[in-house]
């Protein structure tokens, strides 16, 4: 695809991942544009949004953090006890089942997101908590693989994924322990 076509596409579309914010940089690199998820400009405006309030958003994130912390203990215990089936069930059944229960009717109508997480810009400061839960499920799956086949390369992968999970979990914790205004400012500073 030529650069002029990509520029035309960038002008007609907006992205969920900073293409508008970094338009001048993206215009110089066709690779950056092609790797960016593009959605039609009018698509986000036609979707229903949840009218969640900042206090409700923070309460949701607090509850989600408690789940993450409890699930972390469960996953680490299962790993320590070498319970392959428990780790895989958590990653492949329990978390997908949890994430597929819509927060409200609004989320059941938004086809490309996890329905459990409120679909609202007010939730932006707490997306780190969604990331942490997803990374924990991924870590559980990889730990299950390590239980089944203990190799040095698998141990390295587990260490790397555990670091990624801990980073996301700690970011979630920080945001939950801030006021909504502080969490929103921290999110916008990223």
N, C-alpha and C. Protein backbone atom coordinates (compact mmCIF):
# COMPACT_ATOMS: atom_id res chain seq x y z
N UNK A 1 0.85 -1.18 0.00
CA UNK A 1 0.00 0.00 0.00
C UNK A 1 0.89 1.24 0.00
N UNK A 2 0.65 2.14 -0.88
CA UNK A 2 1.46 3.34 -0.95
C UNK A 2 1.19 4.28 0.19
N UNK A 3 2.15 5.12 0.48
CA UNK A 3 2.04 6.07 1.58
C UNK A 3 0.86 7.01 1.40
N UNK A 4 0.58 7.43 0.15
CA UNK A 4 -0.54 8.34 -0.07
C UNK A 4 -1.87 7.67 0.25
N UNK A 5 -2.03 6.39 -0.07
CA UNK A 5 -3.25 5.66 0.27
C UNK A 5 -3.39 5.55 1.79
N UNK A 6 -2.29 5.25 2.46
CA UNK A 6 -2.31 5.15 3.91
C UNK A 6 -2.67 6.48 4.56
N UNK A 7 -2.14 7.56 4.01
CA UNK A 7 -2.48 8.87 4.54
C UNK A 7 -3.96 9.17 4.35
N UNK A 8 -4.48 8.79 3.19
CA UNK A 8 -5.90 8.97 2.91
C UNK A 8 -6.73 8.17 3.92
N UNK A 9 -6.34 6.92 4.15
CA UNK A 9 -7.04 6.10 5.14
C UNK A 9 -6.93 6.70 6.53
N UNK A 10 -5.78 7.16 6.91
CA UNK A 10 -5.60 7.77 8.22
C UNK A 10 -6.47 9.02 8.36
N UNK A 11 -6.67 9.74 7.27
CA UNK A 11 -7.52 10.93 7.32
C UNK A 11 -8.99 10.60 7.43
N UNK A 12 -9.42 9.44 6.95
CA UNK A 12 -10.83 9.06 6.96
C UNK A 12 -11.21 8.19 8.14
N UNK A 13 -10.26 7.68 8.83
CA UNK A 13 -10.51 6.74 9.91
C UNK A 13 -9.83 7.28 11.17
N UNK A 14 -10.33 6.81 12.30
CA UNK A 14 -9.61 7.10 13.55
C UNK A 14 -9.32 5.78 14.23
N UNK A 15 -8.38 5.78 15.14
CA UNK A 15 -7.92 4.55 15.76
C UNK A 15 -8.21 4.55 17.24
N UNK A 16 -8.28 3.35 17.77
CA UNK A 16 -8.39 3.20 19.21
C UNK A 16 -7.02 3.27 19.88
N UNK A 17 -5.93 3.37 19.10
CA UNK A 17 -4.60 3.25 19.70
C UNK A 17 -3.64 4.36 19.31
N UNK A 18 -4.02 5.57 19.40
CA UNK A 18 -3.13 6.72 19.28
C UNK A 18 -2.77 7.16 17.86
N UNK A 19 -3.45 6.71 16.80
CA UNK A 19 -3.07 7.18 15.47
C UNK A 19 -3.34 8.67 15.33
N UNK A 20 -4.44 9.13 15.96
CA UNK A 20 -4.76 10.55 15.89
C UNK A 20 -3.73 11.35 16.69
N UNK A 21 -3.39 10.85 17.86
CA UNK A 21 -2.44 11.52 18.75
C UNK A 21 -1.07 11.66 18.11
N UNK A 22 -0.67 10.64 17.36
CA UNK A 22 0.67 10.63 16.78
C UNK A 22 0.61 10.67 15.26
N UNK A 23 -0.30 11.44 14.71
CA UNK A 23 -0.54 11.43 13.26
C UNK A 23 0.71 11.78 12.46
N UNK A 24 1.47 12.75 12.91
CA UNK A 24 2.64 13.14 12.13
C UNK A 24 3.69 12.03 12.09
N UNK A 25 3.85 11.32 13.20
CA UNK A 25 4.80 10.20 13.22
C UNK A 25 4.29 9.05 12.37
N UNK A 26 3.01 8.76 12.47
CA UNK A 26 2.43 7.64 11.73
C UNK A 26 2.46 7.88 10.23
N UNK A 27 2.29 9.12 9.82
CA UNK A 27 2.30 9.44 8.40
C UNK A 27 3.65 9.14 7.78
N UNK A 28 4.71 9.20 8.57
CA UNK A 28 6.05 8.95 8.06
C UNK A 28 6.36 7.47 7.98
N UNK A 29 5.56 6.65 8.61
CA UNK A 29 5.88 5.23 8.65
C UNK A 29 4.67 4.40 8.27
N UNK A 30 4.68 3.82 7.10
CA UNK A 30 3.55 3.00 6.67
C UNK A 30 3.42 1.76 7.54
N UNK A 31 4.52 1.28 8.09
CA UNK A 31 4.46 0.12 8.96
C UNK A 31 3.69 0.44 10.23
N UNK A 32 3.89 1.63 10.77
CA UNK A 32 3.18 2.01 11.99
C UNK A 32 1.69 2.10 11.75
N UNK A 33 1.30 2.62 10.60
CA UNK A 33 -0.12 2.74 10.28
C UNK A 33 -0.73 1.37 10.05
N UNK A 34 -0.04 0.50 9.34
CA UNK A 34 -0.60 -0.81 9.03
C UNK A 34 -0.72 -1.68 10.27
N UNK A 35 0.08 -1.45 11.30
CA UNK A 35 -0.01 -2.22 12.52
C UNK A 35 -1.05 -1.67 13.48
N UNK A 36 -1.60 -0.50 13.22
CA UNK A 36 -2.55 0.14 14.11
C UNK A 36 -3.96 -0.32 13.78
N UNK A 37 -4.75 -0.63 14.79
CA UNK A 37 -6.13 -1.04 14.59
C UNK A 37 -6.95 0.18 14.20
N UNK A 38 -7.58 0.11 13.05
CA UNK A 38 -8.38 1.22 12.57
C UNK A 38 -9.85 0.86 12.65
N UNK A 39 -10.68 1.82 13.06
CA UNK A 39 -12.12 1.64 13.06
C UNK A 39 -12.75 2.84 12.41
N UNK A 40 -13.90 2.67 11.76
CA UNK A 40 -14.54 3.82 11.13
C UNK A 40 -14.85 4.91 12.15
N UNK A 41 -14.72 6.16 11.73
CA UNK A 41 -14.95 7.30 12.62
C UNK A 41 -16.32 7.23 13.26
N UNK A 42 -17.34 6.90 12.47
CA UNK A 42 -18.70 6.93 13.00
C UNK A 42 -19.07 5.66 13.76
N UNK A 43 -18.23 4.62 13.77
CA UNK A 43 -18.57 3.37 14.44
C UNK A 43 -18.69 3.56 15.95
N UNK A 44 -17.74 4.27 16.57
CA UNK A 44 -17.79 4.43 18.02
C UNK A 44 -18.96 5.32 18.44
N UNK A 45 -19.36 6.26 17.59
CA UNK A 45 -20.47 7.14 17.96
C UNK A 45 -21.82 6.44 17.84
N UNK A 46 -21.91 5.37 17.05
CA UNK A 46 -23.17 4.67 16.89
C UNK A 46 -23.38 3.60 17.95
N UNK A 47 -22.35 3.26 18.71
CA UNK A 47 -22.48 2.25 19.75
C UNK A 47 -23.04 2.85 21.03
N UNK A 48 -23.83 2.08 21.77
CA UNK A 48 -24.36 2.59 23.03
C UNK A 48 -23.24 2.70 24.06
N UNK A 49 -23.31 3.69 24.92
CA UNK A 49 -22.33 3.86 25.99
C UNK A 49 -23.02 3.73 27.33
N UNK A 50 -22.32 3.21 28.31
CA UNK A 50 -22.85 3.08 29.65
C UNK A 50 -22.70 4.42 30.36
N UNK A 51 -23.71 4.83 31.09
CA UNK A 51 -23.68 6.11 31.81
C UNK A 51 -23.15 5.93 33.24
N UNK A 52 -22.11 5.16 33.38
CA UNK A 52 -21.52 4.89 34.69
C UNK A 52 -20.89 6.17 35.25
N UNK A 53 -21.00 6.36 36.54
CA UNK A 53 -20.43 7.52 37.23
C UNK A 53 -19.03 7.18 37.74
N UNK A 54 -18.19 8.19 37.98
CA UNK A 54 -16.83 7.92 38.48
C UNK A 54 -16.80 7.06 39.75
N UNK A 55 -17.71 7.30 40.67
CA UNK A 55 -17.74 6.49 41.90
C UNK A 55 -18.07 5.03 41.59
N UNK A 56 -18.97 4.80 40.63
CA UNK A 56 -19.32 3.44 40.23
C UNK A 56 -18.14 2.77 39.52
N UNK A 57 -17.44 3.54 38.72
CA UNK A 57 -16.27 3.02 38.01
C UNK A 57 -15.20 2.58 39.01
N UNK A 58 -14.96 3.40 39.99
CA UNK A 58 -13.96 3.07 41.01
C UNK A 58 -14.40 1.87 41.83
N UNK A 59 -15.69 1.78 42.16
CA UNK A 59 -16.21 0.62 42.92
C UNK A 59 -16.05 -0.66 42.09
N UNK A 60 -16.34 -0.57 40.79
CA UNK A 60 -16.17 -1.73 39.92
C UNK A 60 -14.71 -2.17 39.91
N UNK A 61 -13.80 -1.21 39.75
CA UNK A 61 -12.36 -1.53 39.71
C UNK A 61 -11.88 -2.10 41.03
N UNK A 62 -12.41 -1.60 42.14
CA UNK A 62 -12.04 -2.13 43.46
C UNK A 62 -12.46 -3.58 43.59
N UNK A 63 -13.68 -3.87 43.16
CA UNK A 63 -14.20 -5.25 43.20
C UNK A 63 -13.37 -6.15 42.28
N UNK A 64 -13.02 -5.64 41.10
CA UNK A 64 -12.21 -6.42 40.16
C UNK A 64 -10.83 -6.69 40.73
N UNK A 65 -10.23 -5.71 41.38
CA UNK A 65 -8.92 -5.91 42.01
C UNK A 65 -9.00 -6.99 43.08
N UNK A 66 -10.05 -7.00 43.88
CA UNK A 66 -10.22 -8.06 44.90
C UNK A 66 -10.29 -9.43 44.24
N UNK A 67 -11.00 -9.51 43.12
CA UNK A 67 -11.07 -10.79 42.40
C UNK A 67 -9.69 -11.19 41.89
N UNK A 68 -8.97 -10.24 41.33
CA UNK A 68 -7.63 -10.51 40.81
C UNK A 68 -6.72 -11.05 41.91
N UNK A 69 -6.76 -10.40 43.07
CA UNK A 69 -5.89 -10.82 44.18
C UNK A 69 -6.27 -12.23 44.67
N UNK A 70 -7.56 -12.51 44.78
CA UNK A 70 -8.01 -13.84 45.21
C UNK A 70 -7.64 -14.89 44.16
N UNK A 71 -7.85 -14.55 42.89
CA UNK A 71 -7.51 -15.47 41.81
C UNK A 71 -6.01 -15.72 41.74
N UNK A 72 -5.23 -14.70 42.00
CA UNK A 72 -3.77 -14.87 42.00
C UNK A 72 -3.36 -15.91 43.03
N UNK A 73 -3.90 -15.80 44.23
CA UNK A 73 -3.58 -16.80 45.27
C UNK A 73 -3.97 -18.20 44.81
N UNK A 74 -5.16 -18.31 44.21
CA UNK A 74 -5.65 -19.59 43.71
C UNK A 74 -4.71 -20.16 42.65
N UNK A 75 -4.32 -19.33 41.68
CA UNK A 75 -3.44 -19.77 40.59
C UNK A 75 -2.08 -20.18 41.13
N UNK A 76 -1.52 -19.40 42.03
CA UNK A 76 -0.21 -19.75 42.59
C UNK A 76 -0.26 -21.04 43.40
N UNK A 77 -1.36 -21.25 44.13
CA UNK A 77 -1.51 -22.51 44.87
C UNK A 77 -1.61 -23.69 43.91
N UNK A 78 -2.40 -23.54 42.86
CA UNK A 78 -2.54 -24.61 41.88
C UNK A 78 -1.21 -24.92 41.21
N UNK A 79 -0.43 -23.88 40.93
CA UNK A 79 0.88 -24.08 40.33
C UNK A 79 1.81 -24.80 41.30
N UNK A 80 1.82 -24.36 42.54
CA UNK A 80 2.68 -24.99 43.56
C UNK A 80 2.32 -26.47 43.74
N UNK A 81 1.04 -26.78 43.64
CA UNK A 81 0.57 -28.15 43.81
C UNK A 81 0.61 -28.95 42.51
N UNK A 82 1.09 -28.31 41.43
CA UNK A 82 1.22 -28.95 40.11
C UNK A 82 -0.13 -29.44 39.58
N UNK A 83 -1.17 -28.63 39.75
CA UNK A 83 -2.52 -29.00 39.32
C UNK A 83 -2.79 -28.46 37.91
N UNK A 84 -2.32 -29.21 36.95
CA UNK A 84 -2.45 -28.83 35.54
C UNK A 84 -3.90 -28.55 35.16
N UNK A 85 -4.79 -29.47 35.49
CA UNK A 85 -6.20 -29.33 35.09
C UNK A 85 -6.84 -28.08 35.69
N UNK A 86 -6.50 -27.75 36.91
CA UNK A 86 -7.05 -26.55 37.57
C UNK A 86 -6.56 -25.29 36.87
N UNK A 87 -5.27 -25.23 36.55
CA UNK A 87 -4.70 -24.06 35.87
C UNK A 87 -5.32 -23.87 34.50
N UNK A 88 -5.47 -24.95 33.75
CA UNK A 88 -6.05 -24.84 32.41
C UNK A 88 -7.53 -24.50 32.48
N UNK A 89 -8.25 -25.05 33.43
CA UNK A 89 -9.67 -24.75 33.59
C UNK A 89 -9.85 -23.26 33.92
N UNK A 90 -9.01 -22.73 34.78
CA UNK A 90 -9.08 -21.32 35.13
C UNK A 90 -8.88 -20.46 33.87
N UNK A 91 -7.84 -20.77 33.12
CA UNK A 91 -7.49 -19.96 31.95
C UNK A 91 -8.46 -20.13 30.78
N UNK A 92 -8.93 -21.34 30.56
CA UNK A 92 -9.72 -21.62 29.37
C UNK A 92 -11.23 -21.66 29.60
N UNK A 93 -11.65 -21.74 30.86
CA UNK A 93 -13.08 -21.80 31.14
C UNK A 93 -13.53 -20.72 32.12
N UNK A 94 -12.92 -20.69 33.30
CA UNK A 94 -13.40 -19.81 34.37
C UNK A 94 -13.33 -18.33 33.99
N UNK A 95 -12.19 -17.87 33.52
CA UNK A 95 -12.04 -16.46 33.17
C UNK A 95 -12.87 -16.09 31.94
N UNK A 96 -12.85 -16.87 30.87
CA UNK A 96 -13.73 -16.52 29.74
C UNK A 96 -15.21 -16.48 30.16
N UNK A 97 -15.63 -17.40 31.01
CA UNK A 97 -17.02 -17.38 31.48
C UNK A 97 -17.32 -16.10 32.26
N UNK A 98 -16.39 -15.71 33.13
CA UNK A 98 -16.54 -14.48 33.92
C UNK A 98 -16.60 -13.25 33.00
N UNK A 99 -15.70 -13.21 32.04
CA UNK A 99 -15.59 -12.04 31.15
C UNK A 99 -16.74 -11.95 30.15
N UNK A 100 -17.46 -13.03 29.93
CA UNK A 100 -18.56 -13.02 28.98
C UNK A 100 -19.91 -12.67 29.61
N UNK A 101 -19.95 -12.45 30.91
CA UNK A 101 -21.19 -12.02 31.57
C UNK A 101 -21.26 -10.50 31.48
N UNK A 102 -22.23 -9.97 30.74
CA UNK A 102 -22.30 -8.52 30.54
C UNK A 102 -22.54 -7.74 31.83
N UNK A 103 -21.84 -6.64 31.95
CA UNK A 103 -22.03 -5.73 33.09
C UNK A 103 -23.46 -5.18 33.08
N UNK A 104 -23.94 -4.86 31.90
CA UNK A 104 -25.30 -4.36 31.74
C UNK A 104 -25.76 -4.67 30.33
N UNK A 105 -26.95 -4.25 30.00
CA UNK A 105 -27.49 -4.46 28.67
C UNK A 105 -26.64 -3.76 27.61
N UNK A 106 -26.05 -2.63 27.97
CA UNK A 106 -25.21 -1.88 27.03
C UNK A 106 -24.06 -2.75 26.54
N UNK A 107 -23.36 -3.39 27.47
CA UNK A 107 -22.19 -4.19 27.11
C UNK A 107 -22.56 -5.41 26.27
N UNK A 108 -23.75 -5.91 26.43
CA UNK A 108 -24.18 -7.06 25.62
C UNK A 108 -24.37 -6.67 24.16
N UNK A 109 -24.46 -5.36 23.88
CA UNK A 109 -24.65 -4.88 22.51
C UNK A 109 -23.36 -4.44 21.84
N UNK A 110 -22.25 -4.43 22.56
CA UNK A 110 -20.97 -4.01 22.00
C UNK A 110 -20.18 -5.27 21.65
N UNK A 111 -20.07 -5.59 20.37
CA UNK A 111 -19.57 -6.90 19.96
C UNK A 111 -18.07 -7.16 20.13
N UNK A 112 -17.24 -6.15 20.24
CA UNK A 112 -15.80 -6.38 20.18
C UNK A 112 -15.07 -6.18 21.50
N UNK A 113 -15.77 -6.07 22.60
CA UNK A 113 -15.13 -5.89 23.91
C UNK A 113 -15.57 -6.98 24.87
N UNK A 114 -14.86 -7.11 25.99
CA UNK A 114 -15.28 -8.03 27.04
C UNK A 114 -16.53 -7.46 27.69
N UNK A 115 -17.63 -8.17 27.65
CA UNK A 115 -18.90 -7.63 28.16
C UNK A 115 -18.90 -7.34 29.66
N UNK A 116 -18.04 -8.00 30.43
CA UNK A 116 -18.05 -7.80 31.87
C UNK A 116 -17.58 -6.40 32.27
N UNK A 117 -16.79 -5.77 31.43
CA UNK A 117 -16.16 -4.48 31.75
C UNK A 117 -17.05 -3.35 31.21
N UNK A 118 -17.48 -2.42 32.07
CA UNK A 118 -18.37 -1.35 31.62
C UNK A 118 -17.82 -0.59 30.42
N UNK A 119 -18.67 -0.45 29.41
CA UNK A 119 -18.28 0.25 28.19
C UNK A 119 -18.57 1.74 28.35
N UNK A 120 -17.57 2.47 28.81
CA UNK A 120 -17.69 3.89 29.06
C UNK A 120 -16.31 4.50 29.15
N UNK A 121 -16.17 5.72 28.66
CA UNK A 121 -14.90 6.43 28.79
C UNK A 121 -14.55 6.66 30.25
N UNK A 122 -15.53 6.66 31.12
CA UNK A 122 -15.30 6.86 32.55
C UNK A 122 -14.45 5.72 33.12
N UNK A 123 -14.46 4.56 32.46
CA UNK A 123 -13.68 3.41 32.93
C UNK A 123 -12.22 3.45 32.49
N UNK A 124 -11.85 4.38 31.64
CA UNK A 124 -10.49 4.41 31.10
C UNK A 124 -9.38 4.29 32.14
N UNK A 125 -9.45 4.99 33.28
CA UNK A 125 -8.36 4.87 34.25
C UNK A 125 -8.18 3.45 34.79
N UNK A 126 -9.19 2.62 34.64
CA UNK A 126 -9.15 1.28 35.24
C UNK A 126 -8.96 0.16 34.22
N UNK A 127 -8.61 0.50 33.00
CA UNK A 127 -8.36 -0.55 32.01
C UNK A 127 -7.16 -1.41 32.40
N UNK A 128 -6.28 -0.88 33.24
CA UNK A 128 -5.15 -1.67 33.73
C UNK A 128 -5.64 -2.89 34.52
N UNK A 129 -6.79 -2.78 35.15
CA UNK A 129 -7.34 -3.91 35.91
C UNK A 129 -7.82 -5.01 34.97
N UNK A 130 -8.44 -4.62 33.86
CA UNK A 130 -8.83 -5.58 32.84
C UNK A 130 -7.59 -6.27 32.28
N UNK A 131 -6.56 -5.49 32.03
CA UNK A 131 -5.30 -6.04 31.52
C UNK A 131 -4.71 -7.03 32.52
N UNK A 132 -4.74 -6.68 33.81
CA UNK A 132 -4.18 -7.57 34.84
C UNK A 132 -4.92 -8.90 34.87
N UNK A 133 -6.24 -8.86 34.80
CA UNK A 133 -7.02 -10.11 34.82
C UNK A 133 -6.69 -10.96 33.60
N UNK A 134 -6.59 -10.36 32.45
CA UNK A 134 -6.25 -11.08 31.23
C UNK A 134 -4.86 -11.69 31.33
N UNK A 135 -3.92 -10.92 31.84
CA UNK A 135 -2.54 -11.42 31.98
C UNK A 135 -2.46 -12.54 33.01
N UNK A 136 -3.27 -12.48 34.06
CA UNK A 136 -3.29 -13.56 35.05
C UNK A 136 -3.80 -14.85 34.41
N UNK A 137 -4.83 -14.76 33.61
CA UNK A 137 -5.35 -15.95 32.92
C UNK A 137 -4.28 -16.53 31.99
N UNK A 138 -3.58 -15.66 31.28
CA UNK A 138 -2.50 -16.11 30.39
C UNK A 138 -1.39 -16.77 31.20
N UNK A 139 -1.03 -16.17 32.32
CA UNK A 139 0.00 -16.74 33.19
C UNK A 139 -0.42 -18.11 33.70
N UNK A 140 -1.68 -18.26 34.10
CA UNK A 140 -2.17 -19.55 34.58
C UNK A 140 -2.03 -20.62 33.50
N UNK A 141 -2.35 -20.27 32.28
CA UNK A 141 -2.24 -21.21 31.17
C UNK A 141 -0.79 -21.64 30.95
N UNK A 142 0.12 -20.67 30.98
CA UNK A 142 1.54 -20.97 30.78
C UNK A 142 2.09 -21.78 31.95
N UNK A 143 1.65 -21.46 33.15
CA UNK A 143 2.07 -22.26 34.32
C UNK A 143 1.59 -23.70 34.18
N UNK A 144 0.39 -23.88 33.63
CA UNK A 144 -0.10 -25.23 33.37
C UNK A 144 0.81 -25.96 32.39
N UNK A 145 1.24 -25.26 31.35
CA UNK A 145 2.16 -25.86 30.39
C UNK A 145 3.47 -26.26 31.06
N UNK A 146 3.95 -25.41 31.96
CA UNK A 146 5.19 -25.71 32.68
C UNK A 146 5.01 -26.92 33.59
N UNK A 147 3.88 -27.04 34.23
CA UNK A 147 3.61 -28.21 35.07
C UNK A 147 3.68 -29.48 34.23
N UNK A 148 3.16 -29.40 33.04
CA UNK A 148 3.14 -30.57 32.16
C UNK A 148 4.52 -30.86 31.56
N UNK A 149 5.25 -29.80 31.21
CA UNK A 149 6.57 -29.98 30.60
C UNK A 149 7.54 -28.95 31.18
N UNK A 150 8.28 -29.36 32.18
CA UNK A 150 9.20 -28.47 32.90
C UNK A 150 10.52 -28.39 32.15
N UNK A 151 10.70 -27.28 31.43
CA UNK A 151 11.94 -27.06 30.69
C UNK A 151 12.47 -25.67 31.05
N UNK A 152 13.72 -25.45 30.76
CA UNK A 152 14.32 -24.14 31.06
C UNK A 152 13.65 -23.04 30.23
N UNK A 153 13.32 -23.32 28.98
CA UNK A 153 12.68 -22.30 28.16
C UNK A 153 11.27 -21.99 28.67
N UNK A 154 10.55 -23.00 29.13
CA UNK A 154 9.22 -22.76 29.70
C UNK A 154 9.32 -21.95 31.00
N UNK A 155 10.33 -22.24 31.80
CA UNK A 155 10.53 -21.46 33.04
C UNK A 155 10.81 -20.00 32.71
N UNK A 156 11.59 -19.75 31.66
CA UNK A 156 11.89 -18.38 31.25
C UNK A 156 10.62 -17.67 30.82
N UNK A 157 9.78 -18.35 30.06
CA UNK A 157 8.51 -17.77 29.61
C UNK A 157 7.63 -17.44 30.81
N UNK A 158 7.55 -18.35 31.77
CA UNK A 158 6.74 -18.11 32.98
C UNK A 158 7.26 -16.89 33.72
N UNK A 159 8.59 -16.78 33.88
CA UNK A 159 9.16 -15.61 34.56
C UNK A 159 8.79 -14.32 33.84
N UNK A 160 8.91 -14.30 32.53
CA UNK A 160 8.60 -13.10 31.75
C UNK A 160 7.12 -12.74 31.86
N UNK A 161 6.26 -13.72 31.74
CA UNK A 161 4.81 -13.46 31.81
C UNK A 161 4.39 -13.06 33.22
N UNK A 162 5.05 -13.61 34.21
CA UNK A 162 4.75 -13.24 35.60
C UNK A 162 5.11 -11.77 35.84
N UNK A 163 6.23 -11.33 35.28
CA UNK A 163 6.63 -9.92 35.39
C UNK A 163 5.60 -9.01 34.74
N UNK A 164 5.12 -9.40 33.56
CA UNK A 164 4.10 -8.61 32.87
C UNK A 164 2.81 -8.54 33.68
N UNK A 165 2.43 -9.67 34.25
CA UNK A 165 1.22 -9.69 35.08
C UNK A 165 1.39 -8.79 36.31
N UNK A 166 2.51 -8.92 37.00
CA UNK A 166 2.75 -8.13 38.21
C UNK A 166 2.74 -6.63 37.89
N UNK A 167 3.32 -6.26 36.77
CA UNK A 167 3.32 -4.85 36.35
C UNK A 167 1.88 -4.35 36.16
N UNK A 168 1.06 -5.13 35.47
CA UNK A 168 -0.34 -4.74 35.25
C UNK A 168 -1.13 -4.73 36.56
N UNK A 169 -0.91 -5.73 37.40
CA UNK A 169 -1.60 -5.80 38.70
C UNK A 169 -1.25 -4.59 39.57
N UNK A 170 0.03 -4.27 39.62
CA UNK A 170 0.47 -3.13 40.45
C UNK A 170 -0.08 -1.81 39.92
N UNK A 171 -0.18 -1.68 38.61
CA UNK A 171 -0.77 -0.47 38.02
C UNK A 171 -2.25 -0.39 38.40
N UNK A 172 -2.93 -1.51 38.35
CA UNK A 172 -4.34 -1.56 38.76
C UNK A 172 -4.47 -1.16 40.23
N UNK A 173 -3.63 -1.72 41.07
CA UNK A 173 -3.67 -1.39 42.51
C UNK A 173 -3.49 0.11 42.74
N UNK A 174 -2.50 0.67 42.07
CA UNK A 174 -2.25 2.11 42.22
C UNK A 174 -3.46 2.93 41.83
N UNK A 175 -4.06 2.59 40.70
CA UNK A 175 -5.21 3.34 40.22
C UNK A 175 -6.40 3.21 41.17
N UNK A 176 -6.63 2.03 41.68
CA UNK A 176 -7.76 1.81 42.59
C UNK A 176 -7.57 2.57 43.89
N UNK A 177 -6.33 2.70 44.33
CA UNK A 177 -6.06 3.39 45.59
C UNK A 177 -5.98 4.91 45.45
N UNK A 178 -6.09 5.41 44.23
CA UNK A 178 -6.14 6.86 43.99
C UNK A 178 -7.59 7.32 43.99
N UNK A 179 -7.78 8.61 44.14
CA UNK A 179 -9.12 9.15 43.90
C UNK A 179 -9.39 9.00 42.40
N UNK A 180 -10.65 9.12 42.00
CA UNK A 180 -10.96 8.99 40.58
C UNK A 180 -10.22 10.05 39.77
N UNK A 181 -10.18 11.27 40.29
CA UNK A 181 -9.53 12.36 39.57
C UNK A 181 -8.04 12.07 39.39
N UNK A 182 -7.39 11.56 40.43
CA UNK A 182 -5.96 11.22 40.33
C UNK A 182 -5.74 10.08 39.34
N UNK A 183 -6.62 9.09 39.38
CA UNK A 183 -6.51 7.94 38.46
C UNK A 183 -6.69 8.40 37.01
N UNK A 184 -7.63 9.30 36.81
CA UNK A 184 -7.89 9.83 35.46
C UNK A 184 -6.67 10.62 34.96
N UNK A 185 -6.08 11.41 35.83
CA UNK A 185 -4.88 12.18 35.45
C UNK A 185 -3.71 11.23 35.13
N UNK A 186 -3.55 10.19 35.93
CA UNK A 186 -2.48 9.21 35.69
C UNK A 186 -2.69 8.51 34.36
N UNK A 187 -3.93 8.18 34.05
CA UNK A 187 -4.25 7.52 32.77
C UNK A 187 -3.90 8.46 31.60
N UNK A 188 -4.29 9.70 31.71
CA UNK A 188 -4.03 10.66 30.64
C UNK A 188 -2.56 11.00 30.49
N UNK A 189 -1.77 10.80 31.54
CA UNK A 189 -0.34 11.10 31.49
C UNK A 189 0.45 9.98 30.77
N UNK A 190 -0.18 8.88 30.52
CA UNK A 190 0.52 7.74 29.87
C UNK A 190 0.88 8.05 28.45
